Amino acid sequence: MLTKRIIPCLDIKDGRTVKGINFENIRDAGDPVELGALYAAQGADELVFLDITATNERRKTLAELVTDIARHINIPFTVGGGISSVADVSVLLQSGADKISVNTSAFRNPELIDQLSREFGSQCIVLAIDTRFEDGDWYVYLNGGRVKTDIKAFDWAKEAVNRGAGEILLTSMNNDGTKKGFALDITGQLAQQLNVPVIASGGAGNMEHFQEVFEVAQADAALAASIFHYKEIEIPALKTFLYNNGVNIRF
């Protein structure tokens, strides 16, 4: 049985780690290099770096910052934000990223997923989906949650996997920052019906929420930000809790 992964997320804006609630009310959460090094030392399984305004402001992810973070960690490192070409990915991988995350650009041009998976391998390509539950289903949102589409999250995830995405990072906008728990229904649908790993994101507030998303939704990994940034939950304590409750976790 594969071990479940704990993944801190660094949402970056103007070179700083930030965090909001429901994708709004953004506030500063610290230096990304320091936080990345701390999480690696604490036993995080992976790290995700998302330049949350790169797509919206039409600029590229800060490759120099990626290099700086990669120099201070020894765990797999996924980078996203403003990626729209093979050349963009080449720069980030050369800067120290292990995987890249695409979101809006892949939705606008699905062929990008095919191109990237052919060039770099599907194991390197993470499709990030921001989704909101409304009108009875979960719909895809673009540009950092600012633009609604009429496409359902599961349908887009399935197409992306067929095109070569090797992993799905699913963020529930309804749950994001609320600390009321992950969206177990849509996470479970993707995790149980797709043949690639699914990372749950949005809503973690206590250790039991992680246990739920692993056991009930069968997510492969769980991502969180503010509870780690503000030291509400320490990663070693979380892993001990999960292990003691029967979750297969790596120490």
C-alpha atoms as a PDB file:
ATOM      1  CA  MET A   1       0.000   0.000   0.000  1.00  0.00           C
ATOM      2  CA  LEU A   2       1.334   3.426  -0.948  1.00  0.00           C
ATOM      3  CA  THR A   3       1.962   5.818   1.905  1.00  0.00           C
ATOM      4  CA  LYS A   4      -0.250   8.875   2.171  1.00  0.00           C
ATOM      5  CA  ARG A   5       1.507  12.191   1.671  1.00  0.00           C
ATOM      6  CA  ILE A   6       1.379  15.426   3.670  1.00  0.00           C
ATOM      7  CA  ILE A   7       2.068  18.459   1.474  1.00  0.00           C
ATOM      8  CA  PRO A   8       2.437  22.048   2.699  1.00  0.00           C
ATOM      9  CA  CYS A   9       1.540  24.645   0.074  1.00  0.00           C
ATOM     10  CA  LEU A  10       3.287  27.952  -0.425  1.00  0.00           C
ATOM     11  CA  ASP A  11       0.944  30.379  -2.184  1.00  0.00           C
ATOM     12  CA  ILE A  12       3.234  33.140  -3.421  1.00  0.00           C
ATOM     13  CA  LYS A  13       2.367  36.745  -4.203  1.00  0.00           C
ATOM     14  CA  ASP A  14       5.075  39.331  -4.833  1.00  0.00           C
ATOM     15  CA  GLY A  15       7.726  36.957  -3.486  1.00  0.00           C
ATOM     16  CA  ARG A  16       5.961  36.341  -0.142  1.00  0.00           C
ATOM     17  CA  THR A  17       3.891  33.448   1.158  1.00  0.00           C
ATOM     18  CA  VAL A  18       0.241  34.483   1.531  1.00  0.00           C
ATOM     19  CA  LYS A  19      -3.034  32.892   2.574  1.00  0.00           C
ATOM     20  CA  GLY A  20      -6.694  33.813   2.278  1.00  0.00           C
ATOM     21  CA  ILE A  21     -10.192  32.444   2.853  1.00  0.00           C
ATOM     22  CA  ASN A  22     -12.274  31.246  -0.117  1.00  0.00           C
ATOM     23  CA  PHE A  23      -9.523  32.699  -2.353  1.00  0.00           C
ATOM     24  CA  GLU A  24     -10.060  36.207  -0.917  1.00  0.00           C
ATOM     25  CA  ASN A  25      -8.789  38.415   1.945  1.00  0.00           C
ATOM     26  CA  ILE A  26      -5.146  37.563   1.279  1.00  0.00           C
ATOM     27  CA  ARG A  27      -2.658  38.169   4.112  1.00  0.00           C
ATOM     28  CA  ASP A  28       1.061  37.641   4.578  1.00  0.00           C
ATOM     29  CA  ALA A  29       2.224  34.297   5.983  1.00  0.00           C
ATOM     30  CA  GLY A  30       6.016  34.515   5.859  1.00  0.00           C
ATOM     31  CA  ASP A  31       9.155  34.013   3.809  1.00  0.00           C
ATOM     32  CA  PRO A  32       8.762  31.098   1.348  1.00  0.00           C
ATOM     33  CA  VAL A  33      12.405  30.014   1.528  1.00  0.00           C
ATOM     34  CA  GLU A  34      12.346  29.815   5.322  1.00  0.00           C
ATOM     35  CA  LEU A  35       8.994  28.011   5.352  1.00  0.00           C
ATOM     36  CA  GLY A  36      10.068  25.530   2.697  1.00  0.00           C
ATOM     37  CA  ALA A  37      13.232  24.651   4.608  1.00  0.00           C
ATOM     38  CA  LEU A  38      11.248  24.299   7.845  1.00  0.00           C
ATOM     39  CA  TYR A  39       8.694  21.932   6.316  1.00  0.00           C
ATOM     40  CA  ALA A  40      11.376  19.779   4.718  1.00  0.00           C
ATOM     41  CA  ALA A  41      13.124  19.500   8.098  1.00  0.00           C
ATOM     42  CA  GLN A  42       9.830  18.627   9.808  1.00  0.00           C
ATOM     43  CA  GLY A  43       9.178  15.681   7.534  1.00  0.00           C
ATOM     44  CA  ALA A  44       6.811  17.008   4.865  1.00  0.00           C
ATOM     45  CA  ASP A  45       6.607  14.524   1.997  1.00  0.00           C
ATOM     46  CA  GLU A  46       6.477  17.136  -0.736  1.00  0.00           C
ATOM     47  CA  LEU A  47       6.174  20.876  -1.204  1.00  0.00           C
ATOM     48  CA  VAL A  48       3.908  22.802  -3.570  1.00  0.00           C
ATOM     49  CA  PHE A  49       4.729  26.349  -4.704  1.00  0.00           C
ATOM     50  CA  LEU A  50       1.928  28.251  -6.471  1.00  0.00           C
ATOM     51  CA  ASP A  51       2.499  31.751  -7.772  1.00  0.00           C
ATOM     52  CA  ILE A  52      -1.174  32.631  -7.338  1.00  0.00           C
ATOM     53  CA  THR A  53      -1.192  35.814  -9.407  1.00  0.00           C
ATOM     54  CA  ALA A  54       1.070  34.710 -12.249  1.00  0.00           C
ATOM     55  CA  THR A  55      -1.761  33.759 -14.598  1.00  0.00           C
ATOM     56  CA  ASN A  56      -4.009  36.630 -13.676  1.00  0.00           C
ATOM     57  CA  GLU A  57      -1.244  39.206 -14.098  1.00  0.00           C
ATOM     58  CA  ARG A  58       0.070  37.473 -17.213  1.00  0.00           C
ATOM     59  CA  ARG A  59       3.614  36.995 -16.052  1.00  0.00           C
ATOM     60  CA  LYS A  60       5.820  33.988 -15.462  1.00  0.00           C
ATOM     61  CA  THR A  61       6.573  32.195 -12.247  1.00  0.00           C
ATOM     62  CA  LEU A  62       9.569  33.600 -10.393  1.00  0.00           C
ATOM     63  CA  ALA A  63      12.275  31.171 -11.476  1.00  0.00           C
ATOM     64  CA  GLU A  64      14.887  32.721  -9.186  1.00  0.00           C
ATOM     65  CA  LEU A  65      12.721  32.125  -6.135  1.00  0.00           C
ATOM     66  CA  VAL A  66      12.183  28.521  -7.255  1.00  0.00           C
ATOM     67  CA  THR A  67      15.947  28.080  -7.393  1.00  0.00           C
ATOM     68  CA  ASP A  68      16.352  29.565  -3.924  1.00  0.00           C
ATOM     69  CA  ILE A  69      13.709  27.308  -2.400  1.00  0.00           C
ATOM     70  CA  ALA A  70      15.026  24.189  -4.147  1.00  0.00           C
ATOM     71  CA  ARG A  71      18.475  24.885  -2.732  1.00  0.00           C
ATOM     72  CA  HIS A  72      17.094  24.640   0.810  1.00  0.00           C
ATOM     73  CA  ILE A  73      14.962  21.489   0.573  1.00  0.00           C
ATOM     74  CA  ASN A  74      15.487  17.794  -0.124  1.00  0.00           C
ATOM     75  CA  ILE A  75      11.916  16.699  -0.902  1.00  0.00           C
ATOM     76  CA  PRO A  76       9.929  16.667  -4.173  1.00  0.00           C
ATOM     77  CA  PHE A  77       8.887  20.149  -5.204  1.00  0.00           C
ATOM     78  CA  THR A  78       5.949  21.074  -7.463  1.00  0.00           C
ATOM     79  CA  VAL A  79       5.752  24.547  -9.003  1.00  0.00           C
ATOM     80  CA  GLY A  80       2.789  26.240 -10.688  1.00  0.00           C
ATOM     81  CA  GLY A  81       1.685  29.641 -11.893  1.00  0.00           C
ATOM     82  CA  GLY A  82       1.767  31.177 -15.354  1.00  0.00           C
ATOM     83  CA  ILE A  83       2.992  28.021 -17.113  1.00  0.00           C
ATOM     84  CA  SER A  84       1.826  27.900 -20.722  1.00  0.00           C
ATOM     85  CA  SER A  85       4.547  26.221 -22.804  1.00  0.00           C
ATOM     86  CA  VAL A  86       7.213  23.543 -22.961  1.00  0.00           C
ATOM     87  CA  ALA A  87       9.813  26.311 -22.595  1.00  0.00           C
ATOM     88  CA  ASP A  88       8.226  27.498 -19.329  1.00  0.00           C
ATOM     89  CA  VAL A  89       8.457  23.994 -17.886  1.00  0.00           C
ATOM     90  CA  SER A  90      12.059  23.564 -19.016  1.00  0.00           C
ATOM     91  CA  VAL A  91      13.049  26.725 -17.133  1.00  0.00           C
ATOM     92  CA  LEU A  92      11.332  25.601 -13.925  1.00  0.00           C
ATOM     93  CA  LEU A  93      12.759  22.077 -14.000  1.00  0.00           C
ATOM     94  CA  GLN A  94      16.218  23.524 -14.596  1.00  0.00           C
ATOM     95  CA  SER A  95      15.600  25.885 -11.669  1.00  0.00           C
ATOM     96  CA  GLY A  96      15.011  22.962  -9.314  1.00  0.00           C
ATOM     97  CA  ALA A  97      11.355  21.938  -9.612  1.00  0.00           C
ATOM     98  CA  ASP A  98      10.594  18.205  -9.717  1.00  0.00           C
ATOM     99  CA  LYS A  99       7.044  18.563 -11.061  1.00  0.00           C
ATOM    100  CA  ILE A 100       5.002  21.378 -12.520  1.00  0.00           C
ATOM    101  CA  SER A 101       1.370  22.309 -12.018  1.00  0.00           C
ATOM    102  CA  VAL A 102      -0.836  23.699 -14.769  1.00  0.00           C
ATOM    103  CA  ASN A 103      -4.313  25.106 -14.342  1.00  0.00           C
ATOM    104  CA  THR A 104      -5.882  27.865 -16.437  1.00  0.00           C
ATOM    105  CA  SER A 105      -3.469  27.524 -19.364  1.00  0.00           C
ATOM    106  CA  ALA A 106      -4.240  23.810 -19.690  1.00  0.00           C
ATOM    107  CA  PHE A 107      -7.982  24.430 -19.569  1.00  0.00           C
ATOM    108  CA  ARG A 108      -7.715  27.092 -22.277  1.00  0.00           C
ATOM    109  CA  ASN A 109      -5.462  24.852 -24.362  1.00  0.00           C
ATOM    110  CA  PRO A 110      -5.928  21.171 -23.392  1.00  0.00           C
ATOM    111  CA  GLU A 111      -3.368  20.124 -25.999  1.00  0.00           C
ATOM    112  CA  LEU A 112      -0.753  21.631 -23.657  1.00  0.00           C
ATOM    113  CA  ILE A 113      -1.172  18.609 -21.372  1.00  0.00           C
ATOM    114  CA  ASP A 114      -0.431  16.262 -24.274  1.00  0.00           C
ATOM    115  CA  GLN A 115       2.637  18.287 -25.224  1.00  0.00           C
ATOM    116  CA  LEU A 116       4.029  18.453 -21.697  1.00  0.00           C
ATOM    117  CA  SER A 117       3.451  14.785 -20.918  1.00  0.00           C
ATOM    118  CA  ARG A 118       5.153  13.761 -24.154  1.00  0.00           C
ATOM    119  CA  GLU A 119       8.124  16.034 -23.501  1.00  0.00           C
ATOM    120  CA  PHE A 120       8.643  15.478 -19.773  1.00  0.00           C
ATOM    121  CA  GLY A 121       6.596  12.392 -18.831  1.00  0.00           C
ATOM    122  CA  SER A 122       3.180  12.280 -17.181  1.00  0.00           C
ATOM    123  CA  GLN A 123       4.752  11.800 -13.735  1.00  0.00           C
ATOM    124  CA  CYS A 124       5.978  15.395 -14.014  1.00  0.00           C
ATOM    125  CA  ILE A 125       2.597  16.951 -14.886  1.00  0.00           C
ATOM    126  CA  VAL A 126       0.139  17.911 -12.134  1.00  0.00           C
ATOM    127  CA  LEU A 127      -3.226  19.310 -13.176  1.00  0.00           C
ATOM    128  CA  ALA A 128      -4.536  21.801 -10.621  1.00  0.00           C
ATOM    129  CA  ILE A 129      -8.306  22.260 -10.531  1.00  0.00           C
ATOM    130  CA  ASP A 130     -10.019  25.021  -8.558  1.00  0.00           C
ATOM    131  CA  THR A 131     -13.648  24.023  -8.129  1.00  0.00           C
ATOM    132  CA  ARG A 132     -16.750  25.435  -6.501  1.00  0.00           C
ATOM    133  CA  PHE A 133     -19.999  23.647  -5.655  1.00  0.00           C
ATOM    134  CA  GLU A 134     -23.005  25.491  -7.032  1.00  0.00           C
ATOM    135  CA  ASP A 135     -26.183  24.667  -8.931  1.00  0.00           C
ATOM    136  CA  GLY A 136     -25.928  21.074  -7.743  1.00  0.00           C
ATOM    137  CA  ASP A 137     -22.428  20.218  -8.954  1.00  0.00           C
ATOM    138  CA  TRP A 138     -18.733  21.072  -8.787  1.00  0.00           C
ATOM    139  CA  TYR A 139     -17.616  23.446 -11.552  1.00  0.00           C
ATOM    140  CA  VAL A 140     -14.158  24.457 -12.725  1.00  0.00           C
ATOM    141  CA  TYR A 141     -12.961  27.997 -12.009  1.00  0.00           C
ATOM    142  CA  LEU A 142     -10.009  29.690 -13.711  1.00  0.00           C
ATOM    143  CA  ASN A 143      -7.568  32.549 -13.114  1.00  0.00           C
ATOM    144  CA  GLY A 144      -7.121  31.974  -9.395  1.00  0.00           C
ATOM    145  CA  GLY A 145     -10.827  31.343  -8.823  1.00  0.00           C
ATOM    146  CA  ARG A 146     -11.975  34.513 -10.579  1.00  0.00           C
ATOM    147  CA  VAL A 147     -13.592  33.069 -13.699  1.00  0.00           C
ATOM    148  CA  LYS A 148     -16.369  30.478 -13.683  1.00  0.00           C
ATOM    149  CA  THR A 149     -16.719  27.887 -16.443  1.00  0.00           C
ATOM    150  CA  ASP A 150     -19.617  25.597 -17.308  1.00  0.00           C
ATOM    151  CA  ILE A 151     -17.405  22.497 -17.172  1.00  0.00           C
ATOM    152  CA  LYS A 152     -17.735  20.064 -14.266  1.00  0.00           C
ATOM    153  CA  ALA A 153     -14.605  19.278 -12.279  1.00  0.00           C
ATOM    154  CA  PHE A 154     -14.801  15.511 -12.736  1.00  0.00           C
ATOM    155  CA  ASP A 155     -15.248  15.776 -16.511  1.00  0.00           C
ATOM    156  CA  TRP A 156     -12.230  18.058 -16.854  1.00  0.00           C
ATOM    157  CA  ALA A 157     -10.103  15.882 -14.574  1.00  0.00           C
ATOM    158  CA  LYS A 158     -10.978  12.780 -16.596  1.00  0.00           C
ATOM    159  CA  GLU A 159     -10.085  14.461 -19.883  1.00  0.00           C
ATOM    160  CA  ALA A 160      -6.807  15.746 -18.475  1.00  0.00           C
ATOM    161  CA  VAL A 161      -5.803  12.292 -17.236  1.00  0.00           C
ATOM    162  CA  ASN A 162      -6.590  10.850 -20.661  1.00  0.00           C
ATOM    163  CA  ARG A 163      -4.332  13.513 -22.160  1.00  0.00           C
ATOM    164  CA  GLY A 164      -1.426  12.616 -19.886  1.00  0.00           C
ATOM    165  CA  ALA A 165      -1.772  14.434 -16.562  1.00  0.00           C
ATOM    166  CA  GLY A 166      -0.093  12.253 -13.955  1.00  0.00           C
ATOM    167  CA  GLU A 167      -1.669  13.730 -10.841  1.00  0.00           C
ATOM    168  CA  ILE A 168      -4.632  15.940  -9.860  1.00  0.00           C
ATOM    169  CA  LEU A 169      -4.428  18.744  -7.301  1.00  0.00           C
ATOM    170  CA  LEU A 170      -8.058  19.439  -6.396  1.00  0.00           C
ATOM    171  CA  THR A 171      -8.900  22.576  -4.421  1.00  0.00           C
ATOM    172  CA  SER A 172     -12.414  23.171  -3.149  1.00  0.00           C
ATOM    173  CA  MET A 173     -13.057  26.910  -3.171  1.00  0.00           C
ATOM    174  CA  ASN A 174     -16.032  26.401  -0.844  1.00  0.00           C
ATOM    175  CA  ASN A 175     -13.793  24.835   1.782  1.00  0.00           C
ATOM    176  CA  ASP A 176     -10.596  26.811   1.211  1.00  0.00           C
ATOM    177  CA  GLY A 177      -9.389  28.543   4.366  1.00  0.00           C
ATOM    178  CA  THR A 178     -12.529  27.661   6.351  1.00  0.00           C
ATOM    179  CA  LYS A 179     -10.837  24.947   8.476  1.00  0.00           C
ATOM    180  CA  LYS A 180     -14.081  22.953   8.364  1.00  0.00           C
ATOM    181  CA  GLY A 181     -12.644  19.960   6.545  1.00  0.00           C
ATOM    182  CA  PHE A 182     -11.917  18.857   2.993  1.00  0.00           C
ATOM    183  CA  ALA A 183     -14.608  18.392   0.329  1.00  0.00           C
ATOM    184  CA  LEU A 184     -14.922  14.635   0.746  1.00  0.00           C
ATOM    185  CA  ASP A 185     -17.513  14.074  -1.996  1.00  0.00           C
ATOM    186  CA  ILE A 186     -15.754  15.523  -5.043  1.00  0.00           C
ATOM    187  CA  THR A 187     -12.328  14.448  -3.744  1.00  0.00           C
ATOM    188  CA  GLY A 188     -13.608  10.903  -3.292  1.00  0.00           C
ATOM    189  CA  GLN A 189     -15.159  10.843  -6.748  1.00  0.00           C
ATOM    190  CA  LEU A 190     -11.862  11.748  -8.395  1.00  0.00           C
ATOM    191  CA  ALA A 191      -9.668   9.607  -6.136  1.00  0.00           C
ATOM    192  CA  GLN A 192     -11.816   6.518  -6.561  1.00  0.00           C
ATOM    193  CA  GLN A 193     -12.615   6.800 -10.267  1.00  0.00           C
ATOM    194  CA  LEU A 194      -9.389   8.096 -11.794  1.00  0.00           C
ATOM    195  CA  ASN A 195      -6.223   6.043 -12.147  1.00  0.00           C
ATOM    196  CA  VAL A 196      -3.834   8.788 -11.014  1.00  0.00           C
ATOM    197  CA  PRO A 197      -3.046  10.149  -7.529  1.00  0.00           C
ATOM    198  CA  VAL A 198      -5.350  12.871  -6.217  1.00  0.00           C
ATOM    199  CA  ILE A 199      -4.158  15.582  -3.817  1.00  0.00           C
ATOM    200  CA  ALA A 200      -6.946  17.033  -1.649  1.00  0.00           C
ATOM    201  CA  SER A 201      -6.742  20.753  -0.958  1.00  0.00           C
ATOM    202  CA  GLY A 202      -8.912  23.287   0.832  1.00  0.00           C
ATOM    203  CA  GLY A 203     -10.427  23.148   4.290  1.00  0.00           C
ATOM    204  CA  ALA A 204      -7.976  21.420   6.623  1.00  0.00           C
ATOM    205  CA  GLY A 205      -8.527  22.621  10.189  1.00  0.00           C
ATOM    206  CA  ASN A 206      -7.546  19.740  12.459  1.00  0.00           C
ATOM    207  CA  MET A 207      -5.817  16.379  12.355  1.00  0.00           C
ATOM    208  CA  GLU A 208      -9.089  14.476  12.046  1.00  0.00           C
ATOM    209  CA  HIS A 209      -9.748  16.213   8.729  1.00  0.00           C
ATOM    210  CA  PHE A 210      -6.621  14.611   7.283  1.00  0.00           C
ATOM    211  CA  GLN A 211      -7.667  11.202   8.560  1.00  0.00           C
ATOM    212  CA  GLU A 212     -11.112  11.674   6.964  1.00  0.00           C
ATOM    213  CA  VAL A 213      -9.823  12.632   3.553  1.00  0.00           C
ATOM    214  CA  PHE A 214      -7.454   9.650   3.514  1.00  0.00           C
ATOM    215  CA  GLU A 215      -9.916   7.067   4.830  1.00  0.00           C
ATOM    216  CA  VAL A 216     -13.275   8.293   3.514  1.00  0.00           C
ATOM    217  CA  ALA A 217     -12.331  10.014   0.261  1.00  0.00           C
ATOM    218  CA  GLN A 218      -9.257   7.795  -0.300  1.00  0.00           C
ATOM    219  CA  ALA A 219      -7.142  10.746  -1.362  1.00  0.00           C
ATOM    220  CA  ASP A 220      -3.491   9.948  -2.018  1.00  0.00           C
ATOM    221  CA  ALA A 221      -2.206  13.168  -0.475  1.00  0.00           C
ATOM    222  CA  ALA A 222      -3.515  16.115   1.518  1.00  0.00           C
ATOM    223  CA  LEU A 223      -2.341  19.672   1.068  1.00  0.00           C
ATOM    224  CA  ALA A 224      -2.688  22.513   3.550  1.00  0.00           C
ATOM    225  CA  ALA A 225      -1.297  25.986   4.061  1.00  0.00           C
ATOM    226  CA  SER A 226      -2.425  28.252   6.901  1.00  0.00           C
ATOM    227  CA  ILE A 227      -2.532  25.589   9.619  1.00  0.00           C
ATOM    228  CA  PHE A 228       1.126  24.872   8.906  1.00  0.00           C
ATOM    229  CA  HIS A 229       2.199  28.474   8.286  1.00  0.00           C
ATOM    230  CA  TYR A 230       0.710  29.703  11.560  1.00  0.00           C
ATOM    231  CA  LYS A 231       1.859  26.594  13.477  1.00  0.00           C
ATOM    232  CA  GLU A 232      -1.647  25.478  14.405  1.00  0.00           C
ATOM    233  CA  ILE A 233      -0.606  21.940  13.474  1.00  0.00           C
ATOM    234  CA  GLU A 234       2.985  20.704  13.391  1.00  0.00           C
ATOM    235  CA  ILE A 235       3.785  18.130  10.721  1.00  0.00           C
ATOM    236  CA  PRO A 236       5.541  15.634  13.062  1.00  0.00           C
ATOM    237  CA  ALA A 237       2.525  15.659  15.416  1.00  0.00           C
ATOM    238  CA  LEU A 238       0.139  15.227  12.479  1.00  0.00           C
ATOM    239  CA  LYS A 239       2.065  12.256  11.135  1.00  0.00           C
ATOM    240  CA  THR A 240       2.172  10.645  14.572  1.00  0.00           C
ATOM    241  CA  PHE A 241      -1.595  11.112  14.927  1.00  0.00           C
ATOM    242  CA  LEU A 242      -2.273   9.569  11.524  1.00  0.00           C
ATOM    243  CA  TYR A 243       0.060   6.638  12.160  1.00  0.00           C
ATOM    244  CA  ASN A 244      -1.567   5.954  15.513  1.00  0.00           C
ATOM    245  CA  ASN A 245      -4.945   5.945  13.786  1.00  0.00           C
ATOM    246  CA  GLY A 246      -3.952   3.382  11.177  1.00  0.00           C
ATOM    247  CA  VAL A 247      -3.072   5.649   8.249  1.00  0.00           C
ATOM    248  CA  ASN A 248      -0.059   4.457   6.274  1.00  0.00           C
ATOM    249  CA  ILE A 249       2.285   7.412   6.586  1.00  0.00           C
ATOM    250  CA  ARG A 250       6.014   7.954   5.999  1.00  0.00           C
ATOM    251  CA  PHE A 251       8.244   9.174   8.852  1.00  0.00           C
END
